[in-house]
Amino acid sequence: MAFVAVVPPSQATGELADVYRYMREVGGIGMIGNIVRLFSLRPGSMRRMIRTWELSNWVGSEPRPVREMIAAAVSRLNDCHY
């Protein structure tokens, strides 16, 4: 199994701390998933990934449950556990 060093939210400073705060605001919960923490060494990339997630899940005219169902179906087709 591969190991990727990450900076946890409790140790984040500067831009990374700002991006973790942004994730908490967008996600609406305090927990930061491990899939997000993988980007901690590249805060700019993390911010873009979160923004993409935000746009795909929160923006649009379709109800959120429909968008989540589509996302779950696509993940299943791609054999993605997230």
C-alpha atoms as a PDB file:
ATOM      1  CA  MET A   1       0.000   0.000   0.000  1.00  0.00           C
ATOM      2  CA  ALA A   2       1.271   3.454  -0.899  1.00  0.00           C
ATOM      3  CA  PHE A   3       1.853   6.139   1.702  1.00  0.00           C
ATOM      4  CA  VAL A   4       1.320   9.818   0.945  1.00  0.00           C
ATOM      5  CA  ALA A   5       2.417  12.399   3.481  1.00  0.00           C
ATOM      6  CA  VAL A   6      -0.305  14.917   4.272  1.00  0.00           C
ATOM      7  CA  VAL A   7      -0.671  17.976   6.469  1.00  0.00           C
ATOM      8  CA  PRO A   8      -3.669  17.526   8.780  1.00  0.00           C
ATOM      9  CA  PRO A   9      -6.009  20.482   9.314  1.00  0.00           C
ATOM     10  CA  SER A  10      -4.760  20.931  12.895  1.00  0.00           C
ATOM     11  CA  GLN A  11      -1.219  21.615  11.601  1.00  0.00           C
ATOM     12  CA  ALA A  12      -2.112  23.680   8.541  1.00  0.00           C
ATOM     13  CA  THR A  13      -0.912  27.270   8.247  1.00  0.00           C
ATOM     14  CA  GLY A  14      -1.170  30.029   5.673  1.00  0.00           C
ATOM     15  CA  GLU A  15      -2.807  29.182   2.353  1.00  0.00           C
ATOM     16  CA  LEU A  16      -3.440  25.562   3.338  1.00  0.00           C
ATOM     17  CA  ALA A  17      -5.314  26.622   6.492  1.00  0.00           C
ATOM     18  CA  ASP A  18      -7.429  28.944   4.321  1.00  0.00           C
ATOM     19  CA  VAL A  19      -8.229  26.113   1.910  1.00  0.00           C
ATOM     20  CA  TYR A  20      -9.208  23.773   4.758  1.00  0.00           C
ATOM     21  CA  ARG A  21     -11.518  26.534   6.068  1.00  0.00           C
ATOM     22  CA  TYR A  22     -13.008  26.884   2.592  1.00  0.00           C
ATOM     23  CA  MET A  23     -13.659  23.117   2.491  1.00  0.00           C
ATOM     24  CA  ARG A  24     -15.456  23.278   5.840  1.00  0.00           C
ATOM     25  CA  GLU A  25     -17.648  26.122   4.549  1.00  0.00           C
ATOM     26  CA  VAL A  26     -18.463  24.357   1.274  1.00  0.00           C
ATOM     27  CA  GLY A  27     -18.958  20.936   2.842  1.00  0.00           C
ATOM     28  CA  GLY A  28     -20.966  22.207   5.761  1.00  0.00           C
ATOM     29  CA  ILE A  29     -19.247  19.880   8.237  1.00  0.00           C
ATOM     30  CA  GLY A  30     -15.996  20.035  10.164  1.00  0.00           C
ATOM     31  CA  MET A  31     -14.580  16.759   8.885  1.00  0.00           C
ATOM     32  CA  ILE A  32     -12.077  16.901   6.016  1.00  0.00           C
ATOM     33  CA  GLY A  33     -12.020  13.636   4.071  1.00  0.00           C
ATOM     34  CA  ASN A  34      -8.773  11.829   3.389  1.00  0.00           C
ATOM     35  CA  ILE A  35      -9.310  12.212  -0.351  1.00  0.00           C
ATOM     36  CA  VAL A  36      -9.111  15.995   0.173  1.00  0.00           C
ATOM     37  CA  ARG A  37      -6.113  15.774   2.514  1.00  0.00           C
ATOM     38  CA  LEU A  38      -4.133  14.103  -0.254  1.00  0.00           C
ATOM     39  CA  PHE A  39      -3.899  17.533  -1.867  1.00  0.00           C
ATOM     40  CA  SER A  40      -2.486  19.195   1.275  1.00  0.00           C
ATOM     41  CA  LEU A  41       1.016  19.594  -0.148  1.00  0.00           C
ATOM     42  CA  ARG A  42      -0.460  21.515  -3.112  1.00  0.00           C
ATOM     43  CA  PRO A  43      -3.017  23.978  -1.655  1.00  0.00           C
ATOM     44  CA  GLY A  44      -3.712  25.586  -5.023  1.00  0.00           C
ATOM     45  CA  SER A  45      -4.639  22.216  -6.499  1.00  0.00           C
ATOM     46  CA  MET A  46      -6.719  21.443  -3.408  1.00  0.00           C
ATOM     47  CA  ARG A  47      -8.666  24.686  -3.805  1.00  0.00           C
ATOM     48  CA  ARG A  48      -9.382  23.933  -7.490  1.00  0.00           C
ATOM     49  CA  MET A  49     -10.470  20.371  -6.662  1.00  0.00           C
ATOM     50  CA  ILE A  50     -12.832  21.630  -3.942  1.00  0.00           C
ATOM     51  CA  ARG A  51     -14.228  24.308  -6.259  1.00  0.00           C
ATOM     52  CA  THR A  52     -14.877  21.690  -8.958  1.00  0.00           C
ATOM     53  CA  TRP A  53     -16.630  19.476  -6.394  1.00  0.00           C
ATOM     54  CA  GLU A  54     -18.640  22.479  -5.199  1.00  0.00           C
ATOM     55  CA  LEU A  55     -19.770  23.398  -8.709  1.00  0.00           C
ATOM     56  CA  SER A  56     -20.672  19.839  -9.636  1.00  0.00           C
ATOM     57  CA  ASN A  57     -22.679  19.256  -6.461  1.00  0.00           C
ATOM     58  CA  TRP A  58     -24.254  22.579  -5.601  1.00  0.00           C
ATOM     59  CA  VAL A  59     -24.758  24.592  -8.778  1.00  0.00           C
ATOM     60  CA  GLY A  60     -27.492  23.862 -11.283  1.00  0.00           C
ATOM     61  CA  SER A  61     -31.215  23.492 -11.590  1.00  0.00           C
ATOM     62  CA  GLU A  62     -31.441  19.761 -10.845  1.00  0.00           C
ATOM     63  CA  PRO A  63     -32.313  18.906  -7.229  1.00  0.00           C
ATOM     64  CA  ARG A  64     -29.329  17.863  -5.142  1.00  0.00           C
ATOM     65  CA  PRO A  65     -30.608  14.285  -4.601  1.00  0.00           C
ATOM     66  CA  VAL A  66     -30.697  13.810  -8.375  1.00  0.00           C
ATOM     67  CA  ARG A  67     -27.133  15.122  -8.782  1.00  0.00           C
ATOM     68  CA  GLU A  68     -25.930  12.863  -5.953  1.00  0.00           C
ATOM     69  CA  MET A  69     -27.642   9.855  -7.509  1.00  0.00           C
ATOM     70  CA  ILE A  70     -25.942  10.568 -10.835  1.00  0.00           C
ATOM     71  CA  ALA A  71     -22.580  11.005  -9.101  1.00  0.00           C
ATOM     72  CA  ALA A  72     -23.038   7.699  -7.255  1.00  0.00           C
ATOM     73  CA  ALA A  73     -23.932   5.913 -10.501  1.00  0.00           C
ATOM     74  CA  VAL A  74     -20.878   7.330 -12.285  1.00  0.00           C
ATOM     75  CA  SER A  75     -18.639   6.359  -9.357  1.00  0.00           C
ATOM     76  CA  ARG A  76     -20.027   2.841  -9.444  1.00  0.00           C
ATOM     77  CA  LEU A  77     -19.437   2.574 -13.189  1.00  0.00           C
ATOM     78  CA  ASN A  78     -15.853   3.752 -12.645  1.00  0.00           C
ATOM     79  CA  ASP A  79     -15.365   1.337  -9.719  1.00  0.00           C
ATOM     80  CA  CYS A  80     -14.649   4.323  -7.476  1.00  0.00           C
ATOM     81  CA  HIS A  81     -15.371   3.847  -3.776  1.00  0.00           C
ATOM     82  CA  TYR A  82     -15.698   7.571  -3.143  1.00  0.00           C
END
